[in-house]
Each structure stands twice: as C-alpha cells, then as structure tokens.
Amino acid sequence: MELILDLDEAIVKLANPQEFARFQVTVAVPDGASPATHDHRLGDVVSARNIGVVSDDGDVYVDPAILRFLSAGEVDEDWEHGFASMLAVADSSGWLDHQGRIQAHVVWPKA
C-alpha cells in the first residue's frame, strides 16, 4: 500500500490498497523534492489533508481512517479483514503510535 502525495497541489492518492505487506508514503511532486527542500511542505500537506503527523525523524504517522476513506469504492469487502491484519502486524512490530496511527517511511523523488 502506498500513499502518494503531490506537494504542489496537495493531492493525496492511495495506490495498491490491497498490498498489505508494505506501506509507505511517496512524494511524487515536485520532482527533485527532498527533506532539505520540502519537509515543511510535507508537514503542511499531511496536516491539511488530515493524514496524520510527521515525526521528528521524517516518517509520517498515518491515521487509518484516511486509508479507509481513500480505499472506499476501490476495494472489495475482504479488504477490511486484510487491513485489520496489517494493523495487527504494525502494532506487534511497534509501528503504531499511541493514537493508533501507522508509521510510514517517506520516499522522496530521485534528484
């Protein structure tokens, strides 16, 4: 599962919602963006779109509700079971914060 962020237009998309083995946040736009140049904008988009929070180390903690919202109409009825399993693995691995948000590594565009 991949949450794709366009930092210019503040657009958020969910890709591969049925892939529960991995989860990441991908910055797709602008080309060449990096933590050094756009970390403030990442925080702005994450906050404005109610995605979650950006941690001090640059990961994003994503509210599961946004993933459910973005997957609505795109997945079958078995999706929630797979998602619940993903959350259980995240919890047992220490990848949930105290509010139940899922830790996701941010992948920045290649320069």
N, C-alpha and C. Protein backbone atom coordinates (compact mmCIF):
# COMPACT_ATOMS: atom_id res chain seq x y z
N MET A 1 0.86 -1.17 0.00
CA MET A 1 0.00 0.00 0.00
C MET A 1 0.91 1.23 0.00
N GLU A 2 0.48 2.20 -0.77
CA GLU A 2 1.31 3.39 -0.93
C GLU A 2 0.42 4.63 -0.95
N LEU A 3 0.73 5.56 -0.09
CA LEU A 3 0.04 6.85 -0.06
C LEU A 3 0.90 7.83 -0.83
N ILE A 4 0.37 8.35 -1.93
CA ILE A 4 1.13 9.21 -2.83
C ILE A 4 0.71 10.66 -2.61
N LEU A 5 1.70 11.53 -2.38
CA LEU A 5 1.44 12.94 -2.10
C LEU A 5 2.02 13.83 -3.19
N ASP A 6 1.19 14.72 -3.69
CA ASP A 6 1.61 15.78 -4.59
C ASP A 6 1.73 17.03 -3.72
N LEU A 7 2.95 17.46 -3.43
CA LEU A 7 3.14 18.58 -2.52
C LEU A 7 2.81 19.93 -3.15
N ASP A 8 2.79 20.01 -4.47
CA ASP A 8 2.42 21.26 -5.14
C ASP A 8 0.92 21.51 -5.05
N GLU A 9 0.13 20.49 -5.37
CA GLU A 9 -1.33 20.63 -5.43
C GLU A 9 -2.04 20.12 -4.17
N ALA A 10 -1.27 19.56 -3.23
CA ALA A 10 -1.81 18.98 -2.00
C ALA A 10 -2.83 17.88 -2.31
N ILE A 11 -2.50 17.07 -3.33
CA ILE A 11 -3.35 15.94 -3.73
C ILE A 11 -2.80 14.67 -3.10
N VAL A 12 -3.72 13.84 -2.59
CA VAL A 12 -3.35 12.59 -1.95
C VAL A 12 -4.07 11.46 -2.67
N LYS A 13 -3.33 10.41 -3.02
CA LYS A 13 -3.91 9.24 -3.68
C LYS A 13 -3.41 7.99 -2.97
N LEU A 14 -4.22 6.95 -3.05
CA LEU A 14 -3.83 5.65 -2.49
C LEU A 14 -3.58 4.69 -3.65
N ALA A 15 -2.40 4.11 -3.69
CA ALA A 15 -2.05 3.12 -4.72
C ALA A 15 -1.88 1.76 -4.07
N ASN A 16 -2.21 0.74 -4.80
CA ASN A 16 -2.06 -0.65 -4.35
C ASN A 16 -2.70 -0.89 -2.98
N PRO A 17 -3.98 -0.54 -2.82
CA PRO A 17 -4.60 -0.67 -1.50
C PRO A 17 -4.72 -2.11 -1.00
N GLN A 18 -4.61 -3.08 -1.88
CA GLN A 18 -4.72 -4.48 -1.46
C GLN A 18 -3.36 -5.09 -1.11
N GLU A 19 -2.29 -4.32 -1.22
CA GLU A 19 -0.96 -4.81 -0.89
C GLU A 19 -0.66 -4.46 0.56
N PHE A 20 -0.85 -5.43 1.43
CA PHE A 20 -0.73 -5.19 2.87
C PHE A 20 0.67 -5.48 3.43
N ALA A 21 1.55 -6.04 2.62
CA ALA A 21 2.88 -6.43 3.11
C ALA A 21 3.83 -5.25 3.27
N ARG A 22 3.53 -4.14 2.60
CA ARG A 22 4.39 -2.96 2.75
C ARG A 22 3.51 -1.71 2.76
N PHE A 23 4.01 -0.68 3.40
CA PHE A 23 3.28 0.58 3.46
C PHE A 23 4.28 1.71 3.46
N GLN A 24 4.08 2.67 2.57
CA GLN A 24 4.98 3.82 2.52
C GLN A 24 4.21 5.04 2.04
N VAL A 25 4.81 6.19 2.32
CA VAL A 25 4.33 7.46 1.79
C VAL A 25 5.33 7.88 0.72
N THR A 26 4.83 8.18 -0.47
CA THR A 26 5.69 8.58 -1.57
C THR A 26 5.39 10.01 -1.97
N VAL A 27 6.43 10.83 -2.00
CA VAL A 27 6.30 12.19 -2.51
C VAL A 27 6.50 12.10 -4.02
N ALA A 28 5.47 12.43 -4.78
CA ALA A 28 5.53 12.30 -6.23
C ALA A 28 5.86 13.63 -6.92
N VAL A 29 5.47 14.71 -6.32
CA VAL A 29 5.64 16.04 -6.94
C VAL A 29 5.98 17.01 -5.82
N PRO A 30 6.90 17.90 -6.03
CA PRO A 30 7.63 18.22 -7.26
C PRO A 30 8.84 17.33 -7.44
N ASP A 31 9.27 17.18 -8.69
CA ASP A 31 10.49 16.43 -8.99
C ASP A 31 11.65 17.06 -8.23
N GLY A 32 12.50 16.20 -7.70
CA GLY A 32 13.68 16.68 -7.01
C GLY A 32 13.45 17.14 -5.58
N ALA A 33 12.21 17.03 -5.09
CA ALA A 33 11.94 17.42 -3.70
C ALA A 33 12.73 16.51 -2.77
N SER A 34 13.14 17.07 -1.65
CA SER A 34 13.89 16.31 -0.65
C SER A 34 13.52 16.84 0.73
N PRO A 35 13.90 16.11 1.77
CA PRO A 35 13.63 16.63 3.11
C PRO A 35 14.25 18.00 3.34
N ALA A 36 15.40 18.23 2.73
CA ALA A 36 16.08 19.52 2.92
C ALA A 36 15.32 20.68 2.28
N THR A 37 14.60 20.39 1.20
CA THR A 37 13.92 21.47 0.47
C THR A 37 12.42 21.54 0.71
N HIS A 38 11.80 20.40 1.11
CA HIS A 38 10.34 20.37 1.16
C HIS A 38 9.75 19.74 2.42
N ASP A 39 10.56 19.54 3.46
CA ASP A 39 9.99 18.92 4.66
C ASP A 39 8.87 19.76 5.26
N HIS A 40 8.98 21.09 5.17
CA HIS A 40 7.92 21.96 5.69
C HIS A 40 6.62 21.76 4.89
N ARG A 41 6.74 21.59 3.59
CA ARG A 41 5.56 21.39 2.75
C ARG A 41 4.93 20.03 3.01
N LEU A 42 5.76 19.01 3.25
CA LEU A 42 5.23 17.69 3.61
C LEU A 42 4.36 17.82 4.85
N GLY A 43 4.86 18.50 5.87
CA GLY A 43 4.08 18.70 7.10
C GLY A 43 2.80 19.45 6.85
N ASP A 44 2.84 20.46 5.97
CA ASP A 44 1.64 21.23 5.65
C ASP A 44 0.58 20.36 4.99
N VAL A 45 0.98 19.54 4.01
CA VAL A 45 0.02 18.70 3.29
C VAL A 45 -0.53 17.61 4.20
N VAL A 46 0.34 16.99 4.98
CA VAL A 46 -0.11 15.94 5.91
C VAL A 46 -1.14 16.51 6.89
N SER A 47 -0.89 17.69 7.39
CA SER A 47 -1.82 18.33 8.32
C SER A 47 -3.12 18.77 7.63
N ALA A 48 -2.99 19.44 6.50
CA ALA A 48 -4.16 19.99 5.80
C ALA A 48 -5.10 18.90 5.32
N ARG A 49 -4.58 17.76 4.95
CA ARG A 49 -5.40 16.66 4.43
C ARG A 49 -5.77 15.64 5.51
N ASN A 50 -5.48 15.98 6.76
CA ASN A 50 -5.82 15.12 7.90
C ASN A 50 -5.27 13.71 7.75
N ILE A 51 -4.05 13.63 7.24
CA ILE A 51 -3.41 12.34 7.03
C ILE A 51 -2.84 11.80 8.33
N GLY A 52 -2.29 12.66 9.13
CA GLY A 52 -1.65 12.26 10.38
C GLY A 52 -0.66 13.31 10.80
N VAL A 53 0.55 12.86 11.18
CA VAL A 53 1.60 13.77 11.61
C VAL A 53 2.94 13.32 11.05
N VAL A 54 3.84 14.28 10.90
CA VAL A 54 5.22 13.98 10.51
C VAL A 54 6.05 13.96 11.78
N SER A 55 6.79 12.89 11.96
CA SER A 55 7.63 12.75 13.16
C SER A 55 8.92 13.55 13.00
N ASP A 56 9.63 13.71 14.10
CA ASP A 56 10.90 14.43 14.08
C ASP A 56 11.93 13.75 13.17
N ASP A 57 11.81 12.43 13.00
CA ASP A 57 12.76 11.73 12.13
C ASP A 57 12.32 11.67 10.67
N GLY A 58 11.19 12.32 10.34
CA GLY A 58 10.77 12.42 8.95
C GLY A 58 9.79 11.38 8.48
N ASP A 59 9.44 10.41 9.32
CA ASP A 59 8.40 9.46 8.95
C ASP A 59 7.03 10.12 9.12
N VAL A 60 6.04 9.55 8.45
CA VAL A 60 4.67 10.04 8.61
C VAL A 60 3.89 8.97 9.37
N TYR A 61 3.18 9.41 10.39
CA TYR A 61 2.26 8.53 11.11
C TYR A 61 0.87 8.79 10.56
N VAL A 62 0.33 7.78 9.85
CA VAL A 62 -0.89 7.92 9.07
C VAL A 62 -2.09 7.39 9.84
N ASP A 63 -3.13 8.20 9.89
CA ASP A 63 -4.39 7.80 10.52
C ASP A 63 -5.04 6.72 9.65
N PRO A 64 -5.36 5.56 10.21
CA PRO A 64 -6.00 4.51 9.43
C PRO A 64 -7.32 4.96 8.77
N ALA A 65 -7.99 5.93 9.37
CA ALA A 65 -9.26 6.41 8.81
C ALA A 65 -9.08 7.00 7.41
N ILE A 66 -7.95 7.67 7.16
CA ILE A 66 -7.71 8.24 5.83
C ILE A 66 -7.52 7.14 4.81
N LEU A 67 -6.90 6.03 5.21
CA LEU A 67 -6.71 4.91 4.29
C LEU A 67 -8.04 4.24 3.97
N ARG A 68 -8.88 4.12 4.97
CA ARG A 68 -10.22 3.58 4.73
C ARG A 68 -11.01 4.49 3.80
N PHE A 69 -10.92 5.79 4.02
CA PHE A 69 -11.63 6.76 3.19
C PHE A 69 -11.15 6.69 1.74
N LEU A 70 -9.84 6.68 1.54
CA LEU A 70 -9.30 6.68 0.18
C LEU A 70 -9.53 5.36 -0.55
N SER A 71 -9.69 4.28 0.19
CA SER A 71 -9.91 2.98 -0.45
C SER A 71 -11.38 2.71 -0.75
N ALA A 72 -12.27 3.50 -0.18
CA ALA A 72 -13.72 3.29 -0.37
C ALA A 72 -14.06 3.28 -1.86
N GLY A 73 -14.79 2.26 -2.27
CA GLY A 73 -15.20 2.12 -3.65
C GLY A 73 -14.13 1.54 -4.56
N GLU A 74 -12.93 1.33 -4.01
CA GLU A 74 -11.81 0.81 -4.81
C GLU A 74 -11.44 -0.62 -4.44
N VAL A 75 -11.99 -1.10 -3.33
CA VAL A 75 -11.61 -2.42 -2.82
C VAL A 75 -12.85 -3.27 -2.58
N ASP A 76 -12.63 -4.58 -2.43
CA ASP A 76 -13.76 -5.48 -2.18
C ASP A 76 -14.03 -5.59 -0.68
N GLU A 77 -15.04 -6.38 -0.36
CA GLU A 77 -15.47 -6.50 1.04
C GLU A 77 -14.45 -7.20 1.92
N ASP A 78 -13.50 -7.92 1.35
CA ASP A 78 -12.47 -8.59 2.15
C ASP A 78 -11.33 -7.65 2.56
N TRP A 79 -11.33 -6.44 2.00
CA TRP A 79 -10.24 -5.51 2.26
C TRP A 79 -10.09 -5.21 3.75
N GLU A 80 -11.18 -4.97 4.43
CA GLU A 80 -11.11 -4.60 5.85
C GLU A 80 -10.43 -5.68 6.67
N HIS A 81 -10.67 -6.93 6.33
CA HIS A 81 -10.01 -8.03 7.05
C HIS A 81 -8.49 -7.97 6.84
N GLY A 82 -8.06 -7.78 5.60
CA GLY A 82 -6.63 -7.65 5.31
C GLY A 82 -6.02 -6.43 5.98
N PHE A 83 -6.77 -5.34 5.99
CA PHE A 83 -6.28 -4.11 6.62
C PHE A 83 -6.15 -4.31 8.13
N ALA A 84 -7.12 -4.97 8.73
CA ALA A 84 -7.05 -5.24 10.18
C ALA A 84 -5.82 -6.11 10.50
N SER A 85 -5.53 -7.06 9.64
CA SER A 85 -4.33 -7.90 9.83
C SER A 85 -3.06 -7.05 9.71
N MET A 86 -3.05 -6.13 8.76
CA MET A 86 -1.91 -5.23 8.59
C MET A 86 -1.71 -4.39 9.85
N LEU A 87 -2.80 -3.88 10.40
CA LEU A 87 -2.72 -3.07 11.63
C LEU A 87 -2.21 -3.90 12.81
N ALA A 88 -2.62 -5.17 12.88
CA ALA A 88 -2.16 -6.04 13.96
C ALA A 88 -0.66 -6.28 13.86
N VAL A 89 -0.16 -6.49 12.64
CA VAL A 89 1.27 -6.67 12.44
C VAL A 89 2.01 -5.38 12.82
N ALA A 90 1.48 -4.25 12.38
CA ALA A 90 2.09 -2.96 12.71
C ALA A 90 2.15 -2.76 14.22
N ASP A 91 1.09 -3.12 14.90
CA ASP A 91 1.03 -2.97 16.35
C ASP A 91 2.07 -3.86 17.02
N SER A 92 2.13 -5.11 16.61
CA SER A 92 3.07 -6.04 17.25
C SER A 92 4.53 -5.70 16.91
N SER A 93 4.74 -4.94 15.84
CA SER A 93 6.09 -4.56 15.44
C SER A 93 6.51 -3.19 15.98
N GLY A 94 5.59 -2.52 16.68
CA GLY A 94 5.91 -1.20 17.23
C GLY A 94 5.78 -0.08 16.22
N TRP A 95 4.97 -0.30 15.16
CA TRP A 95 4.82 0.70 14.10
C TRP A 95 3.53 1.51 14.22
N LEU A 96 2.90 1.47 15.38
CA LEU A 96 1.74 2.32 15.66
C LEU A 96 2.12 3.29 16.77
N ASP A 97 1.66 4.53 16.65
CA ASP A 97 1.89 5.46 17.76
C ASP A 97 0.78 5.30 18.78
N HIS A 98 0.81 6.10 19.83
CA HIS A 98 -0.16 5.97 20.91
C HIS A 98 -1.59 6.29 20.48
N GLN A 99 -1.77 6.91 19.32
CA GLN A 99 -3.11 7.21 18.79
C GLN A 99 -3.54 6.22 17.71
N GLY A 100 -2.74 5.17 17.50
CA GLY A 100 -3.10 4.15 16.53
C GLY A 100 -2.75 4.49 15.09
N ARG A 101 -1.94 5.53 14.90
CA ARG A 101 -1.52 5.90 13.54
C ARG A 101 -0.35 5.01 13.12
N ILE A 102 -0.31 4.69 11.83
CA ILE A 102 0.67 3.76 11.28
C ILE A 102 1.92 4.50 10.82
N GLN A 103 3.07 4.03 11.27
CA GLN A 103 4.34 4.64 10.87
C GLN A 103 4.63 4.25 9.42
N ALA A 104 4.96 5.25 8.61
CA ALA A 104 5.31 5.02 7.21
C ALA A 104 6.57 5.79 6.86
N HIS A 105 7.48 5.10 6.23
CA HIS A 105 8.69 5.74 5.72
C HIS A 105 8.30 6.61 4.53
N VAL A 106 8.96 7.75 4.37
CA VAL A 106 8.69 8.65 3.25
C VAL A 106 9.75 8.41 2.18
N VAL A 107 9.27 8.17 0.96
CA VAL A 107 10.16 8.01 -0.19
C VAL A 107 10.07 9.29 -1.00
N TRP A 108 11.21 9.94 -1.15
CA TRP A 108 11.29 11.21 -1.87
C TRP A 108 11.69 10.95 -3.33
N PRO A 109 11.34 11.86 -4.25
CA PRO A 109 11.73 11.68 -5.65
C PRO A 109 13.24 11.68 -5.79
N LYS A 110 13.71 10.98 -6.78
CA LYS A 110 15.14 10.99 -7.06
C LYS A 110 15.51 12.30 -7.71
N ALA A 111 16.62 12.84 -7.32
CA ALA A 111 17.08 14.13 -7.85
C ALA A 111 17.56 14.01 -9.28
